[in-house]
Amino acid sequence: MADMSNGTDESKEFKFSHELEKTVKEVVEDLDPLDSPEFDPVAYINEIFPDERSLTFAKHEADSAGKKRRLHSRLNMKLAGHADKAEKSERMVQEICRDIKSLDHAKKHLTTTISALMKLHMLVQAVDMLVYMSEKKQYKE
């Protein structure tokens, strides 16, 4: 609402990006003149109520405008909710990717360690076999 006490207008006008307007137009098939960025309220009211007799339908139009305003508000709330969920999902994906990367490094280190231990085991077995064969004096084998 406008504050007339100090001559300033505290009403806030929301401007949406062209991409958002285009997306809304694609999603909502029946665009109301109220949804247009070029909406002129004076011209709209004069078009709906050209004379005094037509003002008898003002209550119906006011109710309709109120419903549209509430629907518009709910749509904005849902869009904000979806944006918040998208941000949370993005953070979660980044955390999961970080964990996967850490686990991948651990797997590589474990694989290298197991391979080294297997080679060490084979070396120890070969040395034991050489000691055993040398005690029995079986040098050919």
Protein backbone atom coordinates (compact mmCIF):
# COMPACT_ATOMS: atom_id res chain seq x y z
CA MET A 1 0.00 0.00 0.00
CA ALA A 2 1.06 3.58 -0.57
CA ASP A 3 2.09 5.61 2.43
CA MET A 4 0.72 9.12 1.89
CA SER A 5 2.09 10.56 5.15
CA ASN A 6 5.60 11.14 3.86
CA GLY A 7 4.91 11.13 0.13
CA THR A 8 6.73 7.85 -0.58
CA ASP A 9 5.29 4.82 -2.26
CA GLU A 10 6.24 1.67 -0.37
CA SER A 11 4.52 -0.71 -2.76
CA LYS A 12 6.89 -3.18 -4.34
CA GLU A 13 6.57 -4.17 -7.96
CA PHE A 14 7.90 -7.61 -8.82
CA LYS A 15 9.71 -7.96 -12.13
CA PHE A 16 10.33 -11.46 -13.38
CA SER A 17 12.95 -12.41 -15.92
CA HIS A 18 11.96 -12.88 -19.53
CA GLU A 19 12.84 -16.60 -19.26
CA LEU A 20 10.53 -17.06 -16.26
CA GLU A 21 7.69 -15.23 -18.03
CA LYS A 22 8.21 -17.44 -21.09
CA THR A 23 8.20 -20.62 -18.98
CA VAL A 24 5.03 -19.57 -17.16
CA LYS A 25 3.36 -18.88 -20.51
CA GLU A 26 4.29 -22.39 -21.66
CA VAL A 27 2.99 -24.01 -18.46
CA VAL A 28 -0.19 -21.94 -18.08
CA GLU A 29 -2.16 -22.17 -21.31
CA ASP A 30 -4.81 -19.52 -20.60
CA LEU A 31 -2.97 -16.30 -19.80
CA ASP A 32 -5.05 -13.68 -18.08
CA PRO A 33 -4.47 -10.01 -18.94
CA LEU A 34 -3.54 -9.55 -15.27
CA ASP A 35 -0.51 -11.79 -15.86
CA SER A 36 0.85 -9.68 -18.70
CA PRO A 37 3.96 -7.62 -17.93
CA GLU A 38 2.37 -4.72 -19.89
CA PHE A 39 -0.80 -4.80 -17.75
CA ASP A 40 -2.50 -1.39 -17.41
CA PRO A 41 -4.97 -1.53 -14.49
CA VAL A 42 -6.87 1.65 -15.48
CA ALA A 43 -7.48 0.45 -19.04
CA TYR A 44 -8.46 -2.98 -17.73
CA ILE A 45 -11.03 -1.55 -15.27
CA ASN A 46 -12.45 0.80 -17.93
CA GLU A 47 -12.79 -2.13 -20.30
CA ILE A 48 -14.61 -4.28 -17.73
CA PHE A 49 -16.80 -1.47 -16.32
CA PRO A 50 -17.60 0.93 -19.19
CA ASP A 51 -20.65 2.44 -17.41
CA GLU A 52 -22.33 2.57 -13.97
CA ARG A 53 -24.66 -0.32 -14.68
CA SER A 54 -21.73 -2.65 -15.19
CA LEU A 55 -20.50 -1.87 -11.67
CA THR A 56 -23.16 -4.24 -10.31
CA PHE A 57 -20.84 -7.02 -11.37
CA ALA A 58 -17.89 -5.47 -9.49
CA LYS A 59 -18.22 -7.84 -6.55
CA HIS A 60 -17.98 -10.85 -8.84
CA GLU A 61 -14.92 -9.40 -10.56
CA ALA A 62 -13.32 -8.52 -7.21
CA ASP A 63 -13.83 -12.09 -5.99
CA SER A 64 -12.34 -13.40 -9.22
CA ALA A 65 -9.34 -11.08 -8.93
CA GLY A 66 -8.84 -12.15 -5.31
CA LYS A 67 -8.83 -15.80 -6.30
CA LYS A 68 -6.33 -15.09 -9.05
CA ARG A 69 -4.14 -13.17 -6.63
CA ARG A 70 -4.20 -16.08 -4.17
CA LEU A 71 -3.41 -18.55 -6.95
CA HIS A 72 -0.57 -16.33 -8.12
CA SER A 73 0.75 -16.14 -4.56
CA ARG A 74 0.59 -19.93 -4.19
CA LEU A 75 2.40 -20.36 -7.50
CA ASN A 76 5.16 -18.02 -6.34
CA MET A 77 5.46 -19.95 -3.07
CA LYS A 78 5.69 -23.25 -4.95
CA LEU A 79 8.36 -21.83 -7.27
CA ALA A 80 10.37 -20.64 -4.28
CA GLY A 81 9.96 -24.08 -2.68
CA HIS A 82 11.17 -25.81 -5.83
CA ALA A 83 14.17 -23.50 -6.06
CA ASP A 84 15.04 -24.29 -2.43
CA LYS A 85 14.68 -28.03 -3.05
CA ALA A 86 16.87 -27.75 -6.14
CA GLU A 87 19.61 -26.01 -4.13
CA LYS A 88 19.43 -28.68 -1.41
CA SER A 89 19.57 -31.43 -4.04
CA GLU A 90 22.59 -29.79 -5.67
CA ARG A 91 24.41 -29.64 -2.32
CA MET A 92 23.53 -33.27 -1.62
CA VAL A 93 24.82 -34.35 -5.05
CA GLN A 94 28.08 -32.47 -4.44
CA GLU A 95 28.50 -34.18 -1.05
CA ILE A 96 27.80 -37.59 -2.57
CA CYS A 97 30.32 -36.94 -5.36
CA ARG A 98 32.91 -35.88 -2.81
CA ASP A 99 32.29 -39.09 -0.82
CA ILE A 100 32.50 -41.22 -3.96
CA LYS A 101 35.80 -39.60 -4.90
CA SER A 102 37.18 -40.28 -1.42
CA LEU A 103 36.03 -43.90 -1.57
CA ASP A 104 37.56 -44.29 -5.03
CA HIS A 105 40.93 -43.12 -3.72
CA ALA A 106 40.65 -45.53 -0.78
CA LYS A 107 39.84 -48.39 -3.18
CA LYS A 108 42.92 -47.61 -5.29
CA HIS A 109 45.13 -47.57 -2.19
CA LEU A 110 43.64 -50.85 -0.92
CA THR A 111 44.13 -52.50 -4.31
CA THR A 112 47.76 -51.39 -4.42
CA THR A 113 48.34 -52.59 -0.83
CA ILE A 114 46.72 -55.99 -1.46
CA SER A 115 48.78 -56.42 -4.63
CA ALA A 116 52.00 -55.59 -2.74
CA LEU A 117 51.08 -58.01 0.08
CA MET A 118 50.36 -60.80 -2.41
CA LYS A 119 53.75 -60.26 -4.08
CA LEU A 120 55.45 -60.23 -0.66
CA HIS A 121 53.66 -63.48 0.25
CA MET A 122 54.81 -65.07 -3.02
CA LEU A 123 58.39 -63.91 -2.34
CA VAL A 124 58.34 -65.36 1.20
CA GLN A 125 56.97 -68.65 -0.15
CA ALA A 126 59.68 -68.73 -2.83
CA VAL A 127 62.40 -68.09 -0.23
CA ASP A 128 60.97 -70.80 2.04
CA MET A 129 60.90 -73.18 -0.92
CA LEU A 130 64.52 -72.36 -1.77
CA VAL A 131 65.59 -72.95 1.84
CA TYR A 132 63.71 -76.24 1.95
CA MET A 133 65.13 -77.41 -1.40
CA SER A 134 68.67 -76.39 -0.43
CA GLU A 135 68.40 -78.42 2.81
CA LYS A 136 67.38 -81.47 0.78
CA LYS A 137 70.06 -80.69 -1.81
CA GLN A 138 67.61 -80.60 -4.65
CA TYR A 139 69.23 -77.84 -6.66
CA LYS A 140 67.73 -78.73 -10.01
CA GLU A 141 64.21 -77.98 -9.03
